[in-house]
Amino acid sequence: MHIDMLSSYMWRGTEKGGICIQPTAELKWMDATLSVMGSTGLRKDDIKEIDVSLGYKWKIVNFGLKDYWQTGLDFDGNDLYFSFSPRRSGHRLEANVGCTYDFLTVQAYTMVFGNDFKYKSMQELSARKGTRAFSTYIEAAAKFYWVGLDWDANLGFTPFAGANTIEQVGERDGYPLMKKVYFYADGPSIVRASVRLTKNFELGALKCPVFAELHTNPYMKTANFMVGFSVIPF
């Protein structure tokens, strides 16, 4: 179990919120792990998220399933957790597979169920007639220890266009101007390049890692510098 406090919530190249608290609890049995992570911001209108993961590790290979749920994603605007209609609720189910060798890890993630669709027009979006996108993200991560710090370097990309929604971005001659907004990107793109530095401290029985991270998205041409700390009671 641990609790993270972050200056901003960055996820795969996208900023999902400002200052937030993220508690995580894990239950391990042999090579299987069940974990639950929550995220909530300090403001009333910040995104709230609950992720439930089930994973299994065999030698250097791992695979699993994760259910993402967050407010603001369901079509009805009610933010109901116990609503699992793939075209209406805020749930998304993602499958992953990867391997770790020495300091290098490679993981692939694909959305397989839930609110993950491609829409060609506003009419399709309004009628919820989109086609499943199978949004995919692949990441390589390297972890190493240098000059008294733990380093984590990550490079992530999507191999094809992911899910999208359509938003109005303006008006011209009385007609609305619409734009597709993609979950990752509109085609093969690098969506994350980041490096995190961590210094570990101990306060009695508590472990308190403190970290700083430069998190960039080459596709969106954005960058974010975030800091945070964790509290690990045992």
Protein backbone atom coordinates (compact mmCIF):
# COMPACT_ATOMS: atom_id res chain seq x y z
CA MET A 1 0.00 0.00 0.00
CA HIS A 2 1.18 3.54 -0.73
CA ILE A 3 -0.19 7.06 -1.14
CA ASP A 4 1.14 9.47 -3.77
CA MET A 5 0.80 13.25 -3.74
CA LEU A 6 1.38 14.85 -7.17
CA SER A 7 1.62 18.43 -8.38
CA SER A 8 -0.16 17.36 -11.58
CA TYR A 9 -1.60 14.12 -12.90
CA MET A 10 0.24 13.08 -16.08
CA TRP A 11 -0.75 9.89 -17.92
CA ARG A 12 0.86 8.71 -21.16
CA GLY A 13 1.63 12.22 -22.34
CA THR A 14 -1.69 13.75 -21.31
CA GLU A 15 -2.39 15.99 -18.33
CA LYS A 16 -5.48 14.62 -16.57
CA GLY A 17 -5.58 17.02 -13.65
CA GLY A 18 -3.77 19.29 -11.23
CA ILE A 19 -2.68 18.62 -7.66
CA CYS A 20 -4.05 15.23 -6.66
CA ILE A 21 -3.87 12.40 -4.16
CA GLN A 22 -3.55 8.81 -5.41
CA PRO A 23 -3.84 5.94 -2.90
CA THR A 24 -2.98 2.42 -4.10
CA ALA A 25 -3.57 -0.93 -2.39
CA GLU A 26 -2.22 -4.30 -3.59
CA LEU A 27 -2.94 -7.90 -2.76
CA LYS A 28 -0.39 -10.49 -3.92
CA TRP A 29 -0.76 -14.24 -4.09
CA MET A 30 2.12 -16.22 -5.56
CA ASP A 31 2.73 -14.60 -8.99
CA ALA A 32 -0.67 -12.87 -9.22
CA THR A 33 -1.44 -9.30 -8.13
CA LEU A 34 -4.73 -7.52 -7.56
CA SER A 35 -4.50 -3.76 -7.12
CA VAL A 36 -6.83 -0.79 -6.76
CA MET A 37 -5.76 2.80 -7.44
CA GLY A 38 -7.81 5.91 -6.84
CA SER A 39 -7.18 9.50 -7.88
CA THR A 40 -8.90 12.66 -6.73
CA GLY A 41 -7.98 16.31 -7.07
CA LEU A 42 -8.27 19.06 -4.50
CA ARG A 43 -10.99 20.90 -6.42
CA LYS A 44 -14.61 19.80 -6.54
CA ASP A 45 -14.69 19.63 -10.37
CA ASP A 46 -11.43 17.64 -10.72
CA ILE A 47 -11.55 14.22 -12.35
CA LYS A 48 -12.08 11.30 -9.99
CA GLU A 49 -10.71 7.91 -11.05
CA ILE A 50 -10.75 4.30 -9.86
CA ASP A 51 -8.57 1.67 -11.56
CA VAL A 52 -8.77 -2.03 -10.75
CA SER A 53 -5.96 -4.25 -12.08
CA LEU A 54 -5.33 -7.97 -12.19
CA GLY A 55 -1.87 -9.10 -13.27
CA TYR A 56 0.23 -12.23 -13.48
CA LYS A 57 4.00 -12.62 -13.88
CA TRP A 58 5.71 -15.69 -15.29
CA LYS A 59 9.50 -15.48 -15.37
CA ILE A 60 10.27 -12.32 -17.39
CA VAL A 61 6.80 -12.10 -18.96
CA ASN A 62 3.77 -10.39 -17.45
CA PHE A 63 0.19 -9.86 -18.62
CA GLY A 64 -3.01 -8.55 -17.14
CA LEU A 65 -6.29 -6.66 -17.36
CA LYS A 66 -7.17 -3.22 -16.00
CA ASP A 67 -10.54 -1.53 -15.64
CA TYR A 68 -10.33 2.26 -15.86
CA TRP A 69 -13.22 4.37 -14.62
CA GLN A 70 -13.28 8.13 -14.34
CA THR A 71 -15.80 10.91 -14.12
CA GLY A 72 -16.64 12.95 -17.22
CA LEU A 73 -16.49 10.07 -19.71
CA ASP A 74 -19.99 8.61 -19.71
CA PHE A 75 -22.47 9.82 -22.33
CA ASP A 76 -25.27 10.38 -19.82
CA GLY A 77 -23.29 12.74 -17.60
CA ASN A 78 -24.29 10.89 -14.44
CA ASP A 79 -20.83 9.46 -13.63
CA LEU A 80 -22.32 6.19 -12.41
CA TYR A 81 -19.71 3.60 -11.40
CA PHE A 82 -22.07 0.62 -11.65
CA SER A 83 -22.91 1.28 -15.29
CA PHE A 84 -21.05 -1.02 -17.69
CA SER A 85 -22.67 -0.36 -21.07
CA PRO A 86 -19.69 -0.01 -23.44
CA ARG A 87 -21.31 2.87 -25.33
CA ARG A 88 -22.59 4.82 -22.34
CA SER A 89 -20.48 4.31 -19.22
CA GLY A 90 -17.11 5.73 -18.17
CA HIS A 91 -15.46 2.30 -17.94
CA ARG A 92 -12.69 1.07 -20.24
CA LEU A 93 -11.08 -2.37 -20.06
CA GLU A 94 -7.45 -2.66 -21.15
CA ALA A 95 -5.34 -5.78 -21.75
CA ASN A 96 -1.57 -5.66 -21.44
CA VAL A 97 1.41 -7.88 -22.07
CA GLY A 98 5.09 -7.20 -21.55
CA CYS A 99 8.47 -8.42 -20.46
CA THR A 100 11.29 -7.26 -18.21
CA TYR A 101 14.95 -8.07 -18.74
CA ASP A 102 17.49 -6.58 -16.35
CA PHE A 103 16.79 -2.81 -16.25
CA LEU A 104 14.59 -2.65 -19.40
CA THR A 105 10.82 -3.21 -19.58
CA VAL A 106 8.61 -3.21 -22.68
CA GLN A 107 4.81 -3.16 -22.32
CA ALA A 108 1.94 -3.11 -24.81
CA TYR A 109 -1.58 -2.00 -23.82
CA THR A 110 -4.81 -2.26 -25.86
CA MET A 111 -8.34 -1.18 -24.96
CA VAL A 112 -10.62 -4.17 -25.53
CA PHE A 113 -13.95 -3.14 -24.02
CA GLY A 114 -15.84 -0.08 -22.88
CA ASN A 115 -15.87 3.54 -23.97
CA ASP A 116 -13.25 3.33 -26.75
CA PHE A 117 -14.72 4.21 -30.17
CA LYS A 118 -13.92 6.10 -33.38
CA TYR A 119 -16.46 8.57 -34.76
CA LYS A 120 -16.46 10.02 -38.27
CA SER A 121 -19.09 12.70 -37.68
CA MET A 122 -21.12 14.45 -35.00
CA GLN A 123 -24.12 12.42 -36.17
CA GLU A 124 -22.28 9.19 -35.40
CA LEU A 125 -21.24 10.55 -32.01
CA SER A 126 -24.77 11.67 -31.12
CA ALA A 127 -26.19 8.29 -32.17
CA ARG A 128 -23.32 6.39 -30.52
CA LYS A 129 -22.66 4.54 -33.79
CA GLY A 130 -18.86 4.60 -33.71
CA THR A 131 -16.61 1.63 -34.41
CA ARG A 132 -14.33 0.13 -31.77
CA ALA A 133 -10.90 1.78 -31.86
CA PHE A 134 -8.74 -0.71 -29.92
CA SER A 135 -6.60 2.21 -28.78
CA THR A 136 -3.05 0.89 -28.29
CA TYR A 137 -0.05 2.23 -26.42
CA ILE A 138 3.44 0.67 -26.35
CA GLU A 139 6.10 1.80 -23.91
CA ALA A 140 9.77 1.08 -23.24
CA ALA A 141 11.06 1.94 -19.77
CA ALA A 142 14.57 1.87 -18.35
CA LYS A 143 15.33 2.00 -14.62
CA PHE A 144 18.78 2.56 -13.18
CA TYR A 145 20.63 4.03 -10.17
CA TRP A 146 23.09 6.88 -10.69
CA VAL A 147 24.63 9.65 -8.52
CA GLY A 148 22.53 8.64 -5.52
CA LEU A 149 19.21 8.80 -7.37
CA ASP A 150 16.80 6.31 -8.95
CA TRP A 151 16.16 7.18 -12.61
CA ASP A 152 13.16 6.16 -14.73
CA ALA A 153 13.21 6.95 -18.46
CA ASN A 154 10.11 6.22 -20.56
CA LEU A 155 9.32 6.38 -24.27
CA GLY A 156 5.77 5.60 -25.39
CA PHE A 157 4.05 5.59 -28.78
CA THR A 158 0.79 4.59 -30.41
CA PRO A 159 0.97 2.59 -33.67
CA PHE A 160 -2.30 3.90 -35.15
CA ALA A 161 -5.14 6.35 -34.54
CA GLY A 162 -6.98 5.71 -31.32
CA ALA A 163 -10.44 6.56 -30.06
CA ASN A 164 -11.76 10.05 -30.64
CA THR A 165 -14.56 12.40 -29.77
CA ILE A 166 -15.73 15.47 -31.71
CA GLU A 167 -15.88 18.93 -30.19
CA GLN A 168 -16.93 22.35 -31.41
CA VAL A 169 -13.93 24.68 -31.55
CA GLY A 170 -15.52 27.76 -33.08
CA GLU A 171 -17.96 29.11 -35.62
CA ARG A 172 -17.74 30.43 -39.19
CA ASP A 173 -20.56 32.12 -41.13
CA GLY A 174 -23.06 30.83 -38.61
CA TYR A 175 -21.87 27.23 -38.91
CA PRO A 176 -20.04 25.39 -36.11
CA LEU A 177 -16.42 24.35 -36.64
CA MET A 178 -15.83 20.82 -35.39
CA LYS A 179 -12.59 19.09 -34.49
CA LYS A 180 -11.73 15.47 -33.72
CA VAL A 181 -9.98 15.06 -30.38
CA TYR A 182 -8.03 11.81 -30.12
CA PHE A 183 -7.40 9.61 -27.10
CA TYR A 184 -3.72 9.29 -28.04
CA ALA A 185 -3.09 10.60 -31.55
CA ASP A 186 -4.51 10.64 -35.09
CA GLY A 187 -1.93 8.16 -36.37
CA PRO A 188 1.43 6.52 -35.51
CA SER A 189 3.06 8.93 -33.05
CA ILE A 190 5.36 9.22 -30.06
CA VAL A 191 3.09 10.48 -27.29
CA ARG A 192 5.37 10.26 -24.27
CA ALA A 193 9.02 10.94 -23.54
CA SER A 194 9.78 11.39 -19.86
CA VAL A 195 12.44 11.05 -17.20
CA ARG A 196 11.87 10.83 -13.43
CA LEU A 197 14.44 11.25 -10.64
CA THR A 198 13.64 9.78 -7.22
CA LYS A 199 15.37 10.20 -3.86
CA ASN A 200 14.34 7.78 -1.13
CA PHE A 201 13.92 8.91 2.48
CA GLU A 202 12.86 7.06 5.61
CA LEU A 203 10.94 8.52 8.54
CA GLY A 204 10.89 5.86 11.19
CA ALA A 205 8.92 2.95 9.77
CA LEU A 206 7.68 5.06 6.84
CA LYS A 207 9.36 5.15 3.46
CA CYS A 208 8.93 8.51 1.69
CA PRO A 209 10.31 8.67 -1.87
CA VAL A 210 10.42 12.22 -3.30
CA PHE A 211 10.51 12.63 -7.07
CA ALA A 212 10.63 15.13 -9.92
CA GLU A 213 9.66 14.35 -13.51
CA LEU A 214 9.90 16.04 -16.89
CA HIS A 215 6.96 14.65 -18.89
CA THR A 216 6.65 15.57 -22.58
CA ASN A 217 4.36 14.68 -25.48
CA PRO A 218 6.15 15.07 -28.84
CA TYR A 219 2.89 14.53 -30.76
CA MET A 220 1.10 17.38 -28.96
CA LYS A 221 4.34 19.41 -28.58
CA THR A 222 3.67 19.85 -24.86
CA ALA A 223 5.78 19.49 -21.72
CA ASN A 224 5.05 19.36 -18.01
CA PHE A 225 7.38 19.45 -15.01
CA MET A 226 5.86 17.75 -11.99
CA VAL A 227 6.99 16.91 -8.48
CA GLY A 228 5.57 14.65 -5.80
CA PHE A 229 6.18 12.28 -2.96
CA SER A 230 4.92 8.92 -1.73
CA VAL A 231 4.15 7.57 1.71
CA ILE A 232 4.73 3.82 2.08
CA PRO A 233 3.66 2.63 5.55
CA PHE A 234 4.89 -0.98 5.19
